[in-house]
Amino acid sequence: MNPQQYDVVVTTNQLGDILTDEGAGLVGGLGFAPVLCVGNRYAMAQATHGSAPDIAGKNIANPYAMIMSGQMLMAWLGRTREEPKATRAAALIDHAMEQVISAAQALGACRT
């Protein structure tokens, strides 16, 4: 009922998948829910949503979740590997997304 009280939730894979899909509703839907699965040595970035074949070719897909999943991976690599190029890439991606969303809001093309 109060998800903001949690910083981290550790679950099994199946329950985690269900929780992330449900939690995506809190931020506007699956298209706005980036995911980074991390371990001690490895990480995997993915969007919460699936492949969405129903909108293929319609030019309406929202790449936000996948782009920001990549941004989170770059930030993780920067922190864990002490790699300044990855940290810089994460900052550039984050800034670019802020610019795109601000421009879309100014045009009335998106709501956040």
PDB file of N, CA and C in Angstrom:
ATOM      1  N   MET A   1       0.816  -1.207   0.000  1.00  0.00           N
ATOM      2  CA  MET A   1       0.000   0.000   0.000  1.00  0.00           C
ATOM      3  C   MET A   1       0.857   1.267   0.000  1.00  0.00           C
ATOM      4  N   ASN A   2       2.083   1.186   0.519  1.00  0.00           N
ATOM      5  CA  ASN A   2       2.963   2.355   0.592  1.00  0.00           C
ATOM      6  C   ASN A   2       4.344   2.012   0.043  1.00  0.00           C
ATOM      7  N   PRO A   3       4.479   1.851  -1.266  1.00  0.00           N
ATOM      8  CA  PRO A   3       5.751   1.399  -1.821  1.00  0.00           C
ATOM      9  C   PRO A   3       6.904   2.361  -1.608  1.00  0.00           C
ATOM     10  N   GLN A   4       6.612   3.632  -1.383  1.00  0.00           N
ATOM     11  CA  GLN A   4       7.679   4.608  -1.182  1.00  0.00           C
ATOM     12  C   GLN A   4       8.487   4.350   0.082  1.00  0.00           C
ATOM     13  N   GLN A   5       8.006   3.485   0.961  1.00  0.00           N
ATOM     14  CA  GLN A   5       8.748   3.182   2.187  1.00  0.00           C
ATOM     15  C   GLN A   5       9.933   2.249   1.938  1.00  0.00           C
ATOM     16  N   TYR A   6      10.030   1.678   0.734  1.00  0.00           N
ATOM     17  CA  TYR A   6      11.090   0.720   0.435  1.00  0.00           C
ATOM     18  C   TYR A   6      12.120   1.309  -0.525  1.00  0.00           C
ATOM     19  N   ASP A   7      13.381   1.081  -0.228  1.00  0.00           N
ATOM     20  CA  ASP A   7      14.454   1.434  -1.149  1.00  0.00           C
ATOM     21  C   ASP A   7      14.796   0.250  -2.034  1.00  0.00           C
ATOM     22  N   VAL A   8      14.770  -0.952  -1.453  1.00  0.00           N
ATOM     23  CA  VAL A   8      15.147  -2.179  -2.155  1.00  0.00           C
ATOM     24  C   VAL A   8      14.180  -3.283  -1.752  1.00  0.00           C
ATOM     25  N   VAL A   9      13.786  -4.085  -2.736  1.00  0.00           N
ATOM     26  CA  VAL A   9      12.962  -5.254  -2.468  1.00  0.00           C
ATOM     27  C   VAL A   9      13.679  -6.450  -3.090  1.00  0.00           C
ATOM     28  N   VAL A  10      13.931  -7.475  -2.298  1.00  0.00           N
ATOM     29  CA  VAL A  10      14.592  -8.680  -2.783  1.00  0.00           C
ATOM     30  C   VAL A  10      13.553  -9.790  -2.835  1.00  0.00           C
ATOM     31  N   THR A  11      13.415 -10.422  -4.012  1.00  0.00           N
ATOM     32  CA  THR A  11      12.394 -11.453  -4.210  1.00  0.00           C
ATOM     33  C   THR A  11      12.951 -12.576  -5.074  1.00  0.00           C
ATOM     34  N   THR A  12      12.136 -13.585  -5.247  1.00  0.00           N
ATOM     35  CA  THR A  12      12.439 -14.604  -6.249  1.00  0.00           C
ATOM     36  C   THR A  12      12.204 -13.989  -7.618  1.00  0.00           C
ATOM     37  N   ASN A  13      12.671 -14.636  -8.661  1.00  0.00           N
ATOM     38  CA  ASN A  13      12.518 -14.117 -10.011  1.00  0.00           C
ATOM     39  C   ASN A  13      11.053 -13.928 -10.388  1.00  0.00           C
ATOM     40  N   GLN A  14      10.231 -14.927 -10.149  1.00  0.00           N
ATOM     41  CA  GLN A  14       8.828 -14.838 -10.562  1.00  0.00           C
ATOM     42  C   GLN A  14       8.094 -13.737  -9.804  1.00  0.00           C
ATOM     43  N   LEU A  15       8.240 -13.691  -8.495  1.00  0.00           N
ATOM     44  CA  LEU A  15       7.568 -12.648  -7.725  1.00  0.00           C
ATOM     45  C   LEU A  15       8.111 -11.275  -8.083  1.00  0.00           C
ATOM     46  N   GLY A  16       9.402 -11.183  -8.300  1.00  0.00           N
ATOM     47  CA  GLY A  16       9.993  -9.910  -8.705  1.00  0.00           C
ATOM     48  C   GLY A  16       9.430  -9.426 -10.025  1.00  0.00           C
ATOM     49  N   ASP A  17       9.224 -10.337 -10.959  1.00  0.00           N
ATOM     50  CA  ASP A  17       8.649  -9.982 -12.248  1.00  0.00           C
ATOM     51  C   ASP A  17       7.238  -9.433 -12.066  1.00  0.00           C
ATOM     52  N   ILE A  18       6.459 -10.079 -11.232  1.00  0.00           N
ATOM     53  CA  ILE A  18       5.088  -9.625 -10.965  1.00  0.00           C
ATOM     54  C   ILE A  18       5.110  -8.253 -10.286  1.00  0.00           C
ATOM     55  N   LEU A  19       5.960  -8.097  -9.282  1.00  0.00           N
ATOM     56  CA  LEU A  19       6.023  -6.819  -8.555  1.00  0.00           C
ATOM     57  C   LEU A  19       6.471  -5.670  -9.441  1.00  0.00           C
ATOM     58  N   THR A  20       7.452  -5.910 -10.314  1.00  0.00           N
ATOM     59  CA  THR A  20       7.900  -4.825 -11.178  1.00  0.00           C
ATOM     60  C   THR A  20       6.823  -4.431 -12.174  1.00  0.00           C
ATOM     61  N   ASP A  21       6.088  -5.395 -12.677  1.00  0.00           N
ATOM     62  CA  ASP A  21       4.991  -5.060 -13.590  1.00  0.00           C
ATOM     63  C   ASP A  21       3.921  -4.248 -12.873  1.00  0.00           C
ATOM     64  N   GLU A  22       3.570  -4.655 -11.671  1.00  0.00           N
ATOM     65  CA  GLU A  22       2.567  -3.919 -10.892  1.00  0.00           C
ATOM     66  C   GLU A  22       3.096  -2.546 -10.482  1.00  0.00           C
ATOM     67  N   GLY A  23       4.340  -2.490 -10.059  1.00  0.00           N
ATOM     68  CA  GLY A  23       4.944  -1.226  -9.634  1.00  0.00           C
ATOM     69  C   GLY A  23       5.051  -0.226 -10.767  1.00  0.00           C
ATOM     70  N   ALA A  24       5.152  -0.717 -11.988  1.00  0.00           N
ATOM     71  CA  ALA A  24       5.251   0.183 -13.138  1.00  0.00           C
ATOM     72  C   ALA A  24       4.032   1.091 -13.231  1.00  0.00           C
ATOM     73  N   GLY A  25       2.912   0.631 -12.734  1.00  0.00           N
ATOM     74  CA  GLY A  25       1.706   1.455 -12.741  1.00  0.00           C
ATOM     75  C   GLY A  25       1.848   2.715 -11.905  1.00  0.00           C
ATOM     76  N   LEU A  26       2.750   2.685 -10.942  1.00  0.00           N
ATOM     77  CA  LEU A  26       2.968   3.852 -10.086  1.00  0.00           C
ATOM     78  C   LEU A  26       3.689   4.985 -10.807  1.00  0.00           C
ATOM     79  N   VAL A  27       4.394   4.658 -11.879  1.00  0.00           N
ATOM     80  CA  VAL A  27       5.168   5.668 -12.593  1.00  0.00           C
ATOM     81  C   VAL A  27       4.622   5.961 -13.983  1.00  0.00           C
ATOM     82  N   GLY A  28       3.471   5.421 -14.319  1.00  0.00           N
ATOM     83  CA  GLY A  28       2.853   5.728 -15.596  1.00  0.00           C
ATOM     84  C   GLY A  28       2.712   4.562 -16.544  1.00  0.00           C
ATOM     85  N   GLY A  29       3.145   3.387 -16.154  1.00  0.00           N
ATOM     86  CA  GLY A  29       2.993   2.209 -17.006  1.00  0.00           C
ATOM     87  C   GLY A  29       4.310   1.541 -17.313  1.00  0.00           C
ATOM     88  N   LEU A  30       4.226   0.405 -17.994  1.00  0.00           N
ATOM     89  CA  LEU A  30       5.414  -0.397 -18.278  1.00  0.00           C
ATOM     90  C   LEU A  30       6.455   0.341 -19.112  1.00  0.00           C
ATOM     91  N   GLY A  31       6.033   1.242 -19.945  1.00  0.00           N
ATOM     92  CA  GLY A  31       6.966   1.993 -20.780  1.00  0.00           C
ATOM     93  C   GLY A  31       7.859   2.941 -20.011  1.00  0.00           C
ATOM     94  N   PHE A  32       7.542   3.174 -18.746  1.00  0.00           N
ATOM     95  CA  PHE A  32       8.328   4.086 -17.912  1.00  0.00           C
ATOM     96  C   PHE A  32       9.053   3.365 -16.786  1.00  0.00           C
ATOM     97  N   ALA A  33       9.259   2.059 -16.921  1.00  0.00           N
ATOM     98  CA  ALA A  33       9.829   1.273 -15.828  1.00  0.00           C
ATOM     99  C   ALA A  33      11.131   0.588 -16.246  1.00  0.00           C
ATOM    100  N   PRO A  34      12.265   1.293 -16.108  1.00  0.00           N
ATOM    101  CA  PRO A  34      13.536   0.645 -16.406  1.00  0.00           C
ATOM    102  C   PRO A  34      13.885  -0.361 -15.319  1.00  0.00           C
ATOM    103  N   VAL A  35      14.711  -1.349 -15.674  1.00  0.00           N
ATOM    104  CA  VAL A  35      15.097  -2.387 -14.717  1.00  0.00           C
ATOM    105  C   VAL A  35      16.589  -2.656 -14.849  1.00  0.00           C
ATOM    106  N   LEU A  36      17.234  -2.832 -13.713  1.00  0.00           N
ATOM    107  CA  LEU A  36      18.623  -3.279 -13.676  1.00  0.00           C
ATOM    108  C   LEU A  36      18.710  -4.395 -12.658  1.00  0.00           C
ATOM    109  N   CYS A  37      19.035  -5.587 -13.122  1.00  0.00           N
ATOM    110  CA  CYS A  37      19.223  -6.743 -12.245  1.00  0.00           C
ATOM    111  C   CYS A  37      20.710  -6.845 -11.966  1.00  0.00           C
ATOM    112  N   VAL A  38      21.100  -6.761 -10.704  1.00  0.00           N
ATOM    113  CA  VAL A  38      22.526  -6.744 -10.372  1.00  0.00           C
ATOM    114  C   VAL A  38      22.893  -7.849  -9.402  1.00  0.00           C
ATOM    115  N   GLY A  39      24.115  -8.285  -9.531  1.00  0.00           N
ATOM    116  CA  GLY A  39      24.720  -9.221  -8.600  1.00  0.00           C
ATOM    117  C   GLY A  39      26.040  -8.635  -8.136  1.00  0.00           C
ATOM    118  N   ASN A  40      26.869  -9.460  -7.543  1.00  0.00           N
ATOM    119  CA  ASN A  40      28.159  -8.965  -7.066  1.00  0.00           C
ATOM    120  C   ASN A  40      29.098  -8.582  -8.206  1.00  0.00           C
ATOM    121  N   ARG A  41      29.032  -9.332  -9.306  1.00  0.00           N
ATOM    122  CA  ARG A  41      29.974  -9.103 -10.404  1.00  0.00           C
ATOM    123  C   ARG A  41      29.324  -8.726 -11.723  1.00  0.00           C
ATOM    124  N   TYR A  42      28.058  -9.069 -11.892  1.00  0.00           N
ATOM    125  CA  TYR A  42      27.412  -8.885 -13.185  1.00  0.00           C
ATOM    126  C   TYR A  42      26.093  -8.143 -13.030  1.00  0.00           C
ATOM    127  N   ALA A  43      25.677  -7.532 -14.120  1.00  0.00           N
ATOM    128  CA  ALA A  43      24.383  -6.849 -14.154  1.00  0.00           C
ATOM    129  C   ALA A  43      23.738  -7.069 -15.514  1.00  0.00           C
ATOM    130  N   MET A  44      22.420  -6.973 -15.531  1.00  0.00           N
ATOM    131  CA  MET A  44      21.665  -7.111 -16.769  1.00  0.00           C
ATOM    132  C   MET A  44      20.607  -6.012 -16.809  1.00  0.00           C
ATOM    133  N   ALA A  45      20.629  -5.245 -17.866  1.00  0.00           N
ATOM    134  CA  ALA A  45      19.637  -4.186 -18.046  1.00  0.00           C
ATOM    135  C   ALA A  45      18.529  -4.697 -18.946  1.00  0.00           C
ATOM    136  N   GLN A  46      17.303  -4.343 -18.582  1.00  0.00           N
ATOM    137  CA  GLN A  46      16.161  -4.723 -19.416  1.00  0.00           C
ATOM    138  C   GLN A  46      15.007  -3.781 -19.134  1.00  0.00           C
ATOM    139  N   ALA A  47      14.120  -3.695 -20.092  1.00  0.00           N
ATOM    140  CA  ALA A  47      12.884  -2.949 -19.857  1.00  0.00           C
ATOM    141  C   ALA A  47      11.903  -3.900 -19.191  1.00  0.00           C
ATOM    142  N   THR A  48      11.016  -3.375 -18.383  1.00  0.00           N
ATOM    143  CA  THR A  48      10.023  -4.202 -17.716  1.00  0.00           C
ATOM    144  C   THR A  48       9.052  -4.802 -18.715  1.00  0.00           C
ATOM    145  N   HIS A  49       8.722  -4.053 -19.738  1.00  0.00           N
ATOM    146  CA  HIS A  49       7.729  -4.510 -20.711  1.00  0.00           C
ATOM    147  C   HIS A  49       8.290  -5.581 -21.638  1.00  0.00           C
ATOM    148  N   GLY A  50       7.428  -6.189 -22.388  1.00  0.00           N
ATOM    149  CA  GLY A  50       7.824  -7.211 -23.351  1.00  0.00           C
ATOM    150  C   GLY A  50       8.076  -6.610 -24.723  1.00  0.00           C
ATOM    151  N   SER A  51       7.945  -7.413 -25.754  1.00  0.00           N
ATOM    152  CA  SER A  51       8.277  -6.981 -27.108  1.00  0.00           C
ATOM    153  C   SER A  51       7.160  -6.184 -27.785  1.00  0.00           C
ATOM    154  N   ALA A  52       5.951  -6.258 -27.310  1.00  0.00           N
ATOM    155  CA  ALA A  52       4.800  -5.495 -27.818  1.00  0.00           C
ATOM    156  C   ALA A  52       4.576  -5.649 -29.317  1.00  0.00           C
ATOM    157  N   PRO A  53       4.405  -6.868 -29.811  1.00  0.00           N
ATOM    158  CA  PRO A  53       4.189  -7.055 -31.252  1.00  0.00           C
ATOM    159  C   PRO A  53       2.909  -6.386 -31.755  1.00  0.00           C
ATOM    160  N   ASP A  54       1.975  -6.092 -30.871  1.00  0.00           N
ATOM    161  CA  ASP A  54       0.723  -5.459 -31.284  1.00  0.00           C
ATOM    162  C   ASP A  54       0.912  -4.026 -31.772  1.00  0.00           C
ATOM    163  N   ILE A  55       2.029  -3.398 -31.420  1.00  0.00           N
ATOM    164  CA  ILE A  55       2.261  -2.030 -31.892  1.00  0.00           C
ATOM    165  C   ILE A  55       3.415  -1.953 -32.895  1.00  0.00           C
ATOM    166  N   ALA A  56       3.919  -3.090 -33.327  1.00  0.00           N
ATOM    167  CA  ALA A  56       5.018  -3.113 -34.298  1.00  0.00           C
ATOM    168  C   ALA A  56       4.630  -2.359 -35.565  1.00  0.00           C
ATOM    169  N   GLY A  57       5.526  -1.504 -36.028  1.00  0.00           N
ATOM    170  CA  GLY A  57       5.314  -0.768 -37.269  1.00  0.00           C
ATOM    171  C   GLY A  57       4.392   0.426 -37.160  1.00  0.00           C
ATOM    172  N   LYS A  58       3.882   0.724 -35.970  1.00  0.00           N
ATOM    173  CA  LYS A  58       2.935   1.835 -35.808  1.00  0.00           C
ATOM    174  C   LYS A  58       3.613   3.134 -35.354  1.00  0.00           C
ATOM    175  N   ASN A  59       4.922   3.083 -35.100  1.00  0.00           N
ATOM    176  CA  ASN A  59       5.686   4.255 -34.663  1.00  0.00           C
ATOM    177  C   ASN A  59       5.126   4.867 -33.380  1.00  0.00           C
ATOM    178  N   ILE A  60       4.697   4.012 -32.460  1.00  0.00           N
ATOM    179  CA  ILE A  60       4.168   4.506 -31.187  1.00  0.00           C
ATOM    180  C   ILE A  60       4.873   3.888 -29.980  1.00  0.00           C
ATOM    181  N   ALA A  61       5.901   3.082 -30.208  1.00  0.00           N
ATOM    182  CA  ALA A  61       6.623   2.455 -29.094  1.00  0.00           C
ATOM    183  C   ALA A  61       7.327   3.517 -28.265  1.00  0.00           C
ATOM    184  N   ASN A  62       7.388   3.297 -26.972  1.00  0.00           N
ATOM    185  CA  ASN A  62       8.057   4.215 -26.057  1.00  0.00           C
ATOM    186  C   ASN A  62       9.376   3.573 -25.622  1.00  0.00           C
ATOM    187  N   PRO A  63      10.515   4.091 -26.090  1.00  0.00           N
ATOM    188  CA  PRO A  63      11.803   3.477 -25.766  1.00  0.00           C
ATOM    189  C   PRO A  63      12.365   3.890 -24.406  1.00  0.00           C
ATOM    190  N   TYR A  64      11.640   4.699 -23.651  1.00  0.00           N
ATOM    191  CA  TYR A  64      12.158   5.238 -22.392  1.00  0.00           C
ATOM    192  C   TYR A  64      12.715   4.158 -21.464  1.00  0.00           C
ATOM    193  N   ALA A  65      11.950   3.106 -21.213  1.00  0.00           N
ATOM    194  CA  ALA A  65      12.375   2.088 -20.246  1.00  0.00           C
ATOM    195  C   ALA A  65      13.670   1.410 -20.679  1.00  0.00           C
ATOM    196  N   MET A  66      13.811   1.114 -21.948  1.00  0.00           N
ATOM    197  CA  MET A  66      15.024   0.442 -22.406  1.00  0.00           C
ATOM    198  C   MET A  66      16.223   1.383 -22.371  1.00  0.00           C
ATOM    199  N   ILE A  67      16.019   2.623 -22.793  1.00  0.00           N
ATOM    200  CA  ILE A  67      17.111   3.602 -22.761  1.00  0.00           C
ATOM    201  C   ILE A  67      17.573   3.832 -21.329  1.00  0.00           C
ATOM    202  N   MET A  68      16.623   4.001 -20.406  1.00  0.00           N
ATOM    203  CA  MET A  68      17.003   4.263 -19.018  1.00  0.00           C
ATOM    204  C   MET A  68      17.554   3.015 -18.328  1.00  0.00           C
ATOM    205  N   SER A  69      17.180   1.839 -18.793  1.00  0.00           N
ATOM    206  CA  SER A  69      17.810   0.611 -18.282  1.00  0.00           C
ATOM    207  C   SER A  69      19.286   0.614 -18.661  1.00  0.00           C
ATOM    208  N   GLY A  70      19.577   1.016 -19.883  1.00  0.00           N
ATOM    209  CA  GLY A  70      20.976   1.140 -20.317  1.00  0.00           C
ATOM    210  C   GLY A  70      21.714   2.203 -19.529  1.00  0.00           C
ATOM    211  N   GLN A  71      21.032   3.292 -19.223  1.00  0.00           N
ATOM    212  CA  GLN A  71      21.635   4.359 -18.416  1.00  0.00           C
ATOM    213  C   GLN A  71      21.988   3.836 -17.027  1.00  0.00           C
ATOM    214  N   MET A  72      21.079   3.079 -16.439  1.00  0.00           N
ATOM    215  CA  MET A  72      21.337   2.509 -15.116  1.00  0.00           C
ATOM    216  C   MET A  72      22.511   1.533 -15.160  1.00  0.00           C
ATOM    217  N   LEU A  73      22.628   0.776 -16.243  1.00  0.00           N
ATOM    218  CA  LEU A  73      23.750  -0.151 -16.394  1.00  0.00           C
ATOM    219  C   LEU A  73      25.063   0.619 -16.490  1.00  0.00           C
ATOM    220  N   MET A  74      25.081   1.699 -17.268  1.00  0.00           N
ATOM    221  CA  MET A  74      26.299   2.507 -17.366  1.00  0.00           C
ATOM    222  C   MET A  74      26.683   3.097 -16.003  1.00  0.00           C
ATOM    223  N   ALA A  75      25.688   3.579 -15.254  1.00  0.00           N
ATOM    224  CA  ALA A  75      25.967   4.126 -13.919  1.00  0.00           C
ATOM    225  C   ALA A  75      26.520   3.042 -12.999  1.00  0.00           C
ATOM    226  N   TRP A  76      25.945   1.843 -13.069  1.00  0.00           N
ATOM    227  CA  TRP A  76      26.417   0.718 -12.246  1.00  0.00           C
ATOM    228  C   TRP A  76      27.857   0.364 -12.602  1.00  0.00           C
ATOM    229  N   LEU A  77      28.148   0.294 -13.908  1.00  0.00           N
ATOM    230  CA  LEU A  77      29.516  -0.002 -14.339  1.00  0.00           C
ATOM    231  C   LEU A  77      30.481   1.069 -13.856  1.00  0.00           C
ATOM    232  N   GLY A  78      30.053   2.316 -13.923  1.00  0.00           N
ATOM    233  CA  GLY A  78      30.902   3.405 -13.439  1.00  0.00           C
ATOM    234  C   GLY A  78      31.219   3.275 -11.966  1.00  0.00           C
ATOM    235  N   ARG A  79      30.202   2.924 -11.184  1.00  0.00           N
ATOM    236  CA  ARG A  79      30.408   2.778  -9.731  1.00  0.00           C
ATOM    237  C   ARG A  79      31.219   1.542  -9.385  1.00  0.00           C
ATOM    238  N   THR A  80      30.835   0.402  -9.924  1.00  0.00           N
ATOM    239  CA  THR A  80      31.443  -0.860  -9.503  1.00  0.00           C
ATOM    240  C   THR A  80      32.810  -1.103 -10.131  1.00  0.00           C
ATOM    241  N   ARG A  81      33.045  -0.573 -11.320  1.00  0.00           N
ATOM    242  CA  ARG A  81      34.321  -0.782 -12.008  1.00  0.00           C
ATOM    243  C   ARG A  81      35.208   0.455 -11.951  1.00  0.00           C
ATOM    244  N   GLU A  82      34.683   1.482 -11.275  1.00  0.00           N
ATOM    245  CA  GLU A  82      35.399   2.762 -11.207  1.00  0.00           C
ATOM    246  C   GLU A  82      35.822   3.199 -12.610  1.00  0.00           C
ATOM    247  N   GLU A  83      34.826   3.215 -13.492  1.00  0.00           N
ATOM    248  CA  GLU A  83      35.048   3.538 -14.899  1.00  0.00           C
ATOM    249  C   GLU A  83      34.421   4.889 -15.232  1.00  0.00           C
ATOM    250  N   PRO A  84      35.243   5.939 -15.299  1.00  0.00           N
ATOM    251  CA  PRO A  84      34.691   7.277 -15.526  1.00  0.00           C
ATOM    252  C   PRO A  84      33.955   7.434 -16.854  1.00  0.00           C
ATOM    253  N   LYS A  85      34.350   6.698 -17.895  1.00  0.00           N
ATOM    254  CA  LYS A  85      33.645   6.807 -19.174  1.00  0.00           C
ATOM    255  C   LYS A  85      32.218   6.283 -19.053  1.00  0.00           C
ATOM    256  N   ALA A  86      32.022   5.234 -18.288  1.00  0.00           N
ATOM    257  CA  ALA A  86      30.674   4.703 -18.078  1.00  0.00           C
ATOM    258  C   ALA A  86      29.838   5.686 -17.263  1.00  0.00           C
ATOM    259  N   THR A  87      30.448   6.283 -16.247  1.00  0.00           N
ATOM    260  CA  THR A  87      29.751   7.281 -15.432  1.00  0.00           C
ATOM    261  C   THR A  87      29.341   8.471 -16.289  1.00  0.00           C
ATOM    262  N   ARG A  88      30.229   8.903 -17.156  1.00  0.00           N
ATOM    263  CA  ARG A  88      29.931  10.036 -18.047  1.00  0.00           C
ATOM    264  C   ARG A  88      28.822   9.658 -19.037  1.00  0.00           C
ATOM    265  N   ALA A  89      28.889   8.451 -19.579  1.00  0.00           N
ATOM    266  CA  ALA A  89      27.843   7.994 -20.502  1.00  0.00           C
ATOM    267  C   ALA A  89      26.488   7.999 -19.812  1.00  0.00           C
ATOM    268  N   ALA A  90      26.435   7.530 -18.566  1.00  0.00           N
ATOM    269  CA  ALA A  90      25.178   7.525 -17.813  1.00  0.00           C
ATOM    270  C   ALA A  90      24.642   8.942 -17.640  1.00  0.00           C
ATOM    271  N   ALA A  91      25.530   9.870 -17.321  1.00  0.00           N
ATOM    272  CA  ALA A  91      25.103  11.265 -17.141  1.00  0.00           C
ATOM    273  C   ALA A  91      24.595  11.859 -18.452  1.00  0.00           C
ATOM    274  N   LEU A  92      25.257  11.545 -19.555  1.00  0.00           N
ATOM    275  CA  LEU A  92      24.826  12.060 -20.858  1.00  0.00           C
ATOM    276  C   LEU A  92      23.458  11.502 -21.265  1.00  0.00           C
ATOM    277  N   ILE A  93      23.262  10.209 -21.042  1.00  0.00           N
ATOM    278  CA  ILE A  93      21.971   9.589 -21.367  1.00  0.00           C
ATOM    279  C   ILE A  93      20.873  10.210 -20.519  1.00  0.00           C
ATOM    280  N   ASP A  94      21.133  10.372 -19.229  1.00  0.00           N
ATOM    281  CA  ASP A  94      20.140  10.962 -18.324  1.00  0.00           C
ATOM    282  C   ASP A  94      19.784  12.378 -18.773  1.00  0.00           C
ATOM    283  N   HIS A  95      20.782  13.160 -19.092  1.00  0.00           N
ATOM    284  CA  HIS A  95      20.546  14.536 -19.536  1.00  0.00           C
ATOM    285  C   HIS A  95      19.754  14.558 -20.846  1.00  0.00           C
ATOM    286  N   ALA A  96      20.109  13.682 -21.774  1.00  0.00           N
ATOM    287  CA  ALA A  96      19.399  13.628 -23.058  1.00  0.00           C
ATOM    288  C   ALA A  96      17.930  13.282 -22.853  1.00  0.00           C
ATOM    289  N   MET A  97      17.649  12.331 -21.977  1.00  0.00           N
ATOM    290  CA  MET A  97      16.256  11.957 -21.728  1.00  0.00           C
ATOM    291  C   MET A  97      15.486  13.115 -21.092  1.00  0.00           C
ATOM    292  N   GLU A  98      16.128  13.832 -20.183  1.00  0.00           N
ATOM    293  CA  GLU A  98      15.473  15.001 -19.585  1.00  0.00           C
ATOM    294  C   GLU A  98      15.131  16.031 -20.657  1.00  0.00           C
ATOM    295  N   GLN A  99      16.047  16.238 -21.604  1.00  0.00           N
ATOM    296  CA  GLN A  99      15.810  17.205 -22.676  1.00  0.00           C
ATOM    297  C   GLN A  99      14.652  16.765 -23.570  1.00  0.00           C
ATOM    298  N   VAL A 100      14.617  15.492 -23.931  1.00  0.00           N
ATOM    299  CA  VAL A 100      13.551  14.977 -24.793  1.00  0.00           C
ATOM    300  C   VAL A 100      12.191  15.110 -24.109  1.00  0.00           C
ATOM    301  N   ILE A 101      12.131  14.733 -22.837  1.00  0.00           N
ATOM    302  CA  ILE A 101      10.861  14.815 -22.108  1.00  0.00           C
ATOM    303  C   ILE A 101      10.424  16.257 -21.940  1.00  0.00           C
ATOM    304  N   SER A 102      11.367  17.152 -21.641  1.00  0.00           N
ATOM    305  CA  SER A 102      11.020  18.576 -21.509  1.00  0.00           C
ATOM    306  C   SER A 102      10.491  19.137 -22.815  1.00  0.00           C
ATOM    307  N   ALA A 103      11.118  18.773 -23.922  1.00  0.00           N
ATOM    308  CA  ALA A 103      10.666  19.242 -25.232  1.00  0.00           C
ATOM    309  C   ALA A 103       9.270  18.701 -25.552  1.00  0.00           C
ATOM    310  N   ALA A 104       9.042  17.444 -25.244  1.00  0.00           N
ATOM    311  CA  ALA A 104       7.726  16.845 -25.505  1.00  0.00           C
ATOM    312  C   ALA A 104       6.658  17.494 -24.636  1.00  0.00           C
ATOM    313  N   GLN A 105       6.996  17.775 -23.380  1.00  0.00           N
ATOM    314  CA  GLN A 105       6.042  18.450 -22.495  1.00  0.00           C
ATOM    315  C   GLN A 105       5.710  19.835 -23.011  1.00  0.00           C
ATOM    316  N   ALA A 106       6.707  20.539 -23.510  1.00  0.00           N
ATOM    317  CA  ALA A 106       6.475  21.885 -24.033  1.00  0.00           C
ATOM    318  C   ALA A 106       5.526  21.844 -25.229  1.00  0.00           C
ATOM    319  N   LEU A 107       5.575  20.761 -25.978  1.00  0.00           N
ATOM    320  CA  LEU A 107       4.689  20.605 -27.139  1.00  0.00           C
ATOM    321  C   LEU A 107       3.345  20.002 -26.748  1.00  0.00           C
ATOM    322  N   GLY A 108       3.219  19.611 -25.495  1.00  0.00           N
ATOM    323  CA  GLY A 108       1.998  18.957 -25.050  1.00  0.00           C
ATOM    324  C   GLY A 108       1.897  17.511 -25.507  1.00  0.00           C
ATOM    325  N   ALA A 109       3.044  16.927 -25.861  1.00  0.00           N
ATOM    326  CA  ALA A 109       3.043  15.573 -26.415  1.00  0.00           C
ATOM    327  C   ALA A 109       3.184  14.482 -25.372  1.00  0.00           C
ATOM    328  N   CYS A 110       3.490  14.839 -24.134  1.00  0.00           N
ATOM    329  CA  CYS A 110       3.588  13.794 -23.112  1.00  0.00           C
ATOM    330  C   CYS A 110       3.190  14.342 -21.760  1.00  0.00           C
ATOM    331  N   ARG A 111       2.790  13.412 -20.920  1.00  0.00           N
ATOM    332  CA  ARG A 111       2.431  13.744 -19.553  1.00  0.00           C
ATOM    333  C   ARG A 111       3.290  12.913 -18.628  1.00  0.00           C
ATOM    334  N   THR A 112       3.826  13.516 -17.589  1.00  0.00           N
ATOM    335  CA  THR A 112       4.590  12.766 -16.585  1.00  0.00           C
ATOM    336  C   THR A 112       4.068  13.071 -15.221  1.00  0.00           C
TER     337      THR A 112
END
